[in-house]
PDB file of N, CA and C in Angstrom:
ATOM      1  N   MET A   1     -19.205   5.242   3.835  1.00  0.00           N
ATOM      2  CA  MET A   1     -18.428   6.662   2.983  1.00  0.00           C
ATOM      3  C   MET A   1     -18.630   6.885   1.506  1.00  0.00           C
ATOM      4  N   ASP A   2     -18.515   7.768   0.962  1.00  0.00           N
ATOM      5  CA  ASP A   2     -18.385   8.487  -0.405  1.00  0.00           C
ATOM      6  C   ASP A   2     -17.487   7.728  -1.193  1.00  0.00           C
ATOM      7  N   SER A   3     -17.857   7.610  -2.447  1.00  0.00           N
ATOM      8  CA  SER A   3     -16.712   6.990  -3.340  1.00  0.00           C
ATOM      9  C   SER A   3     -15.532   7.748  -3.508  1.00  0.00           C
ATOM     10  N   SER A   4     -15.284   8.984  -3.236  1.00  0.00           N
ATOM     11  CA  SER A   4     -14.014  10.112  -3.111  1.00  0.00           C
ATOM     12  C   SER A   4     -13.433   9.628  -1.990  1.00  0.00           C
ATOM     13  N   HIS A   5     -13.775   9.019  -0.983  1.00  0.00           N
ATOM     14  CA  HIS A   5     -12.915   8.685   0.189  1.00  0.00           C
ATOM     15  C   HIS A   5     -12.154   7.199  -0.312  1.00  0.00           C
ATOM     16  N   VAL A   6     -13.550   6.383  -0.801  1.00  0.00           N
ATOM     17  CA  VAL A   6     -12.638   4.954  -1.415  1.00  0.00           C
ATOM     18  C   VAL A   6     -11.938   5.305  -2.271  1.00  0.00           C
ATOM     19  N   SER A   7     -11.777   6.155  -3.133  1.00  0.00           N
ATOM     20  CA  SER A   7     -11.053   6.438  -4.279  1.00  0.00           C
ATOM     21  C   SER A   7      -9.694   7.046  -3.883  1.00  0.00           C
ATOM     22  N   ALA A   8      -9.688   7.747  -3.083  1.00  0.00           N
ATOM     23  CA  ALA A   8      -8.360   8.276  -1.819  1.00  0.00           C
ATOM     24  C   ALA A   8      -7.609   6.986  -1.504  1.00  0.00           C
ATOM     25  N   LEU A   9      -8.318   6.289  -0.699  1.00  0.00           N
ATOM     26  CA  LEU A   9      -7.830   4.708  -0.542  1.00  0.00           C
ATOM     27  C   LEU A   9      -7.156   4.160  -1.471  1.00  0.00           C
ATOM     28  N   GLN A  10      -7.777   3.946  -2.800  1.00  0.00           N
ATOM     29  CA  GLN A  10      -7.388   3.163  -3.679  1.00  0.00           C
ATOM     30  C   GLN A  10      -6.007   3.605  -4.380  1.00  0.00           C
ATOM     31  N   LEU A  11      -5.793   4.727  -4.482  1.00  0.00           N
ATOM     32  CA  LEU A  11      -4.922   5.847  -4.739  1.00  0.00           C
ATOM     33  C   LEU A  11      -3.377   5.398  -3.828  1.00  0.00           C
ATOM     34  N   LYS A  12      -3.869   5.740  -2.342  1.00  0.00           N
ATOM     35  CA  LYS A  12      -2.876   5.295  -1.495  1.00  0.00           C
ATOM     36  C   LYS A  12      -2.313   4.027  -1.635  1.00  0.00           C
ATOM     37  N   HIS A  13      -3.094   3.071  -1.749  1.00  0.00           N
ATOM     38  CA  HIS A  13      -2.647   1.283  -1.989  1.00  0.00           C
ATOM     39  C   HIS A  13      -2.025   1.459  -3.165  1.00  0.00           C
ATOM     40  N   ALA A  14      -2.457   1.777  -4.386  1.00  0.00           N
ATOM     41  CA  ALA A  14      -1.486   1.801  -5.266  1.00  0.00           C
ATOM     42  C   ALA A  14      -0.354   2.606  -4.750  1.00  0.00           C
ATOM     43  N   GLY A  15      -0.135   3.528  -4.758  1.00  0.00           N
ATOM     44  CA  GLY A  15       1.251   4.124  -4.626  1.00  0.00           C
ATOM     45  C   GLY A  15       2.020   3.558  -3.657  1.00  0.00           C
ATOM     46  N   ILE A  16       1.718   2.865  -2.723  1.00  0.00           N
ATOM     47  CA  ILE A  16       2.300   1.481  -1.576  1.00  0.00           C
ATOM     48  C   ILE A  16       2.888   0.631  -2.584  1.00  0.00           C
ATOM     49  N   GLU A  17       2.017  -0.042  -3.053  1.00  0.00           N
ATOM     50  CA  GLU A  17       2.378  -1.135  -4.038  1.00  0.00           C
ATOM     51  C   GLU A  17       3.456  -0.382  -4.869  1.00  0.00           C
ATOM     52  N   ARG A  18       3.427   0.701  -5.517  1.00  0.00           N
ATOM     53  CA  ARG A  18       4.716   1.135  -6.360  1.00  0.00           C
ATOM     54  C   ARG A  18       5.876   1.158  -5.505  1.00  0.00           C
ATOM     55  N   GLN A  19       5.578   1.666  -4.356  1.00  0.00           N
ATOM     56  CA  GLN A  19       6.803   1.927  -3.276  1.00  0.00           C
ATOM     57  C   GLN A  19       7.495   0.209  -3.070  1.00  0.00           C
ATOM     58  N   ILE A  20       6.519  -0.613  -2.704  1.00  0.00           N
ATOM     59  CA  ILE A  20       7.005  -1.736  -2.370  1.00  0.00           C
ATOM     60  C   ILE A  20       7.796  -2.304  -3.578  1.00  0.00           C
ATOM     61  N   HIS A  21       7.582  -2.144  -5.113  1.00  0.00           N
ATOM     62  CA  HIS A  21       7.982  -2.953  -6.363  1.00  0.00           C
ATOM     63  C   HIS A  21       9.339  -2.127  -6.437  1.00  0.00           C
ATOM     64  N   GLU A  22       9.348  -0.751  -6.166  1.00  0.00           N
ATOM     65  CA  GLU A  22      10.733   0.009  -6.224  1.00  0.00           C
ATOM     66  C   GLU A  22      11.977  -0.686  -5.258  1.00  0.00           C
ATOM     67  N   GLU A  23      11.292  -0.945  -3.798  1.00  0.00           N
ATOM     68  CA  GLU A  23      12.264  -1.349  -2.938  1.00  0.00           C
ATOM     69  C   GLU A  23      12.580  -2.445  -3.303  1.00  0.00           C
ATOM     70  N   MET A  24      11.541  -3.469  -3.691  1.00  0.00           N
ATOM     71  CA  MET A  24      12.064  -4.889  -4.074  1.00  0.00           C
ATOM     72  C   MET A  24      13.034  -4.824  -5.646  1.00  0.00           C
ATOM     73  N   SER A  25      13.220  -3.781  -6.521  1.00  0.00           N
ATOM     74  CA  SER A  25      14.093  -3.960  -7.459  1.00  0.00           C
ATOM     75  C   SER A  25      15.166  -3.481  -7.275  1.00  0.00           C
ATOM     76  N   ARG A  26      15.675  -3.137  -6.107  1.00  0.00           N
ATOM     77  CA  ARG A  26      17.062  -2.723  -5.415  1.00  0.00           C
ATOM     78  C   ARG A  26      17.519  -3.853  -5.399  1.00  0.00           C
ATOM     79  N   PRO A  27      19.260  -3.610  -5.626  1.00  0.00           N
ATOM     80  CA  PRO A  27      20.261  -4.667  -5.515  1.00  0.00           C
ATOM     81  C   PRO A  27      19.655  -5.311  -4.142  1.00  0.00           C
ATOM     82  N   VAL A  28      19.649  -4.629  -2.758  1.00  0.00           N
ATOM     83  CA  VAL A  28      19.369  -5.675  -1.724  1.00  0.00           C
ATOM     84  C   VAL A  28      18.188  -4.755  -1.179  1.00  0.00           C
ATOM     85  N   PRO A  29      17.134  -5.042  -1.190  1.00  0.00           N
ATOM     86  CA  PRO A  29      16.007  -4.737  -0.911  1.00  0.00           C
ATOM     87  C   PRO A  29      15.997  -4.541   0.819  1.00  0.00           C
ATOM     88  N   ASP A  30      15.422  -3.415   1.618  1.00  0.00           N
ATOM     89  CA  ASP A  30      15.393  -3.208   2.870  1.00  0.00           C
ATOM     90  C   ASP A  30      14.330  -4.206   3.579  1.00  0.00           C
ATOM     91  N   ALA A  31      14.349  -5.244   3.950  1.00  0.00           N
ATOM     92  CA  ALA A  31      13.378  -6.099   4.564  1.00  0.00           C
ATOM     93  C   ALA A  31      12.393  -5.600   5.268  1.00  0.00           C
ATOM     94  N   ALA A  32      12.801  -4.648   6.274  1.00  0.00           N
ATOM     95  CA  ALA A  32      11.980  -3.972   7.325  1.00  0.00           C
ATOM     96  C   ALA A  32      11.143  -3.066   6.594  1.00  0.00           C
ATOM     97  N   VAL A  33      11.651  -1.903   5.636  1.00  0.00           N
ATOM     98  CA  VAL A  33      10.911  -1.333   4.587  1.00  0.00           C
ATOM     99  C   VAL A  33       9.631  -2.090   3.990  1.00  0.00           C
ATOM    100  N   VAL A  34       9.883  -2.632   3.577  1.00  0.00           N
ATOM    101  CA  VAL A  34       9.428  -3.793   2.572  1.00  0.00           C
ATOM    102  C   VAL A  34       8.037  -4.298   3.600  1.00  0.00           C
ATOM    103  N   GLN A  35       8.391  -4.687   4.663  1.00  0.00           N
ATOM    104  CA  GLN A  35       7.292  -5.196   5.614  1.00  0.00           C
ATOM    105  C   GLN A  35       6.709  -4.322   6.063  1.00  0.00           C
ATOM    106  N   ALA A  36       7.133  -3.068   6.688  1.00  0.00           N
ATOM    107  CA  ALA A  36       6.102  -1.986   7.144  1.00  0.00           C
ATOM    108  C   ALA A  36       5.355  -1.368   5.849  1.00  0.00           C
ATOM    109  N   LEU A  37       5.529  -1.384   4.618  1.00  0.00           N
ATOM    110  CA  LEU A  37       5.141  -1.182   3.514  1.00  0.00           C
ATOM    111  C   LEU A  37       3.888  -2.165   3.264  1.00  0.00           C
ATOM    112  N   LYS A  38       3.776  -3.228   3.408  1.00  0.00           N
ATOM    113  CA  LYS A  38       2.843  -4.610   3.175  1.00  0.00           C
ATOM    114  C   LYS A  38       1.978  -4.420   3.931  1.00  0.00           C
ATOM    115  N   LYS A  39       2.313  -4.135   5.182  1.00  0.00           N
ATOM    116  CA  LYS A  39       1.461  -3.893   6.543  1.00  0.00           C
ATOM    117  C   LYS A  39       0.540  -2.748   6.258  1.00  0.00           C
ATOM    118  N   ARG A  40       0.894  -1.391   5.956  1.00  0.00           N
ATOM    119  CA  ARG A  40       0.206  -0.494   5.805  1.00  0.00           C
ATOM    120  C   ARG A  40      -0.698  -0.772   4.572  1.00  0.00           C
ATOM    121  N   LYS A  41      -0.078  -1.505   3.718  1.00  0.00           N
ATOM    122  CA  LYS A  41      -1.355  -1.568   2.107  1.00  0.00           C
ATOM    123  C   LYS A  41      -2.150  -2.619   2.907  1.00  0.00           C
ATOM    124  N   LEU A  42      -2.168  -3.700   3.569  1.00  0.00           N
ATOM    125  CA  LEU A  42      -3.251  -4.470   4.186  1.00  0.00           C
ATOM    126  C   LEU A  42      -3.995  -3.707   4.884  1.00  0.00           C
ATOM    127  N   ARG A  43      -3.946  -2.767   5.727  1.00  0.00           N
ATOM    128  CA  ARG A  43      -4.448  -1.952   6.694  1.00  0.00           C
ATOM    129  C   ARG A  43      -5.492  -1.277   5.196  1.00  0.00           C
ATOM    130  N   LEU A  44      -5.141  -0.422   4.456  1.00  0.00           N
ATOM    131  CA  LEU A  44      -5.732   0.160   3.553  1.00  0.00           C
ATOM    132  C   LEU A  44      -6.532  -0.817   2.848  1.00  0.00           C
ATOM    133  N   LYS A  45      -6.417  -1.900   2.481  1.00  0.00           N
ATOM    134  CA  LYS A  45      -7.284  -2.792   1.723  1.00  0.00           C
ATOM    135  C   LYS A  45      -8.210  -3.247   2.562  1.00  0.00           C
ATOM    136  N   GLU A  46      -7.927  -3.383   3.997  1.00  0.00           N
ATOM    137  CA  GLU A  46      -9.218  -4.035   4.952  1.00  0.00           C
ATOM    138  C   GLU A  46      -9.780  -2.886   5.139  1.00  0.00           C
ATOM    139  N   GLU A  47      -9.620  -1.662   5.128  1.00  0.00           N
ATOM    140  CA  GLU A  47     -10.558  -0.430   5.385  1.00  0.00           C
ATOM    141  C   GLU A  47     -11.183  -0.434   3.807  1.00  0.00           C
ATOM    142  N   ILE A  48     -10.670  -0.394   2.814  1.00  0.00           N
ATOM    143  CA  ILE A  48     -11.539  -0.518   1.280  1.00  0.00           C
ATOM    144  C   ILE A  48     -12.368  -1.395   1.396  1.00  0.00           C
ATOM    145  N   GLY A  49     -12.004  -2.353   1.798  1.00  0.00           N
ATOM    146  CA  GLY A  49     -12.915  -3.942   1.820  1.00  0.00           C
ATOM    147  C   GLY A  49     -14.743  -3.306   2.872  1.00  0.00           C
ATOM    148  N   ARG A  50     -14.164  -2.680   3.419  1.00  0.00           N
ATOM    149  CA  ARG A  50     -15.513  -2.277   4.619  1.00  0.00           C
ATOM    150  C   ARG A  50     -16.485  -1.463   3.894  1.00  0.00           C
ATOM    151  N   PHE A  51     -16.178  -0.899   2.786  1.00  0.00           N
ATOM    152  CA  PHE A  51     -16.952   0.038   1.744  1.00  0.00           C
ATOM    153  C   PHE A  51     -18.149  -0.864   0.796  1.00  0.00           C
TER     154      PHE A  51
END
C-alpha cells in the first residue's frame, strides 16, 4: 500500500489512543469501552506493521 494509507491508519491509531486516555481519565472508566478500543487499536497496529 502507499504511504497515505499508512498515514491514515496511524491517524486512526492515535485517535483511538486519545479515546482510551479520555475514557481512563473519567472517575469510573467503562472497562468494556476501554477493552473494545484496545482491540481496535491492536488491529490497526497489526495492519500498520504489515507495511
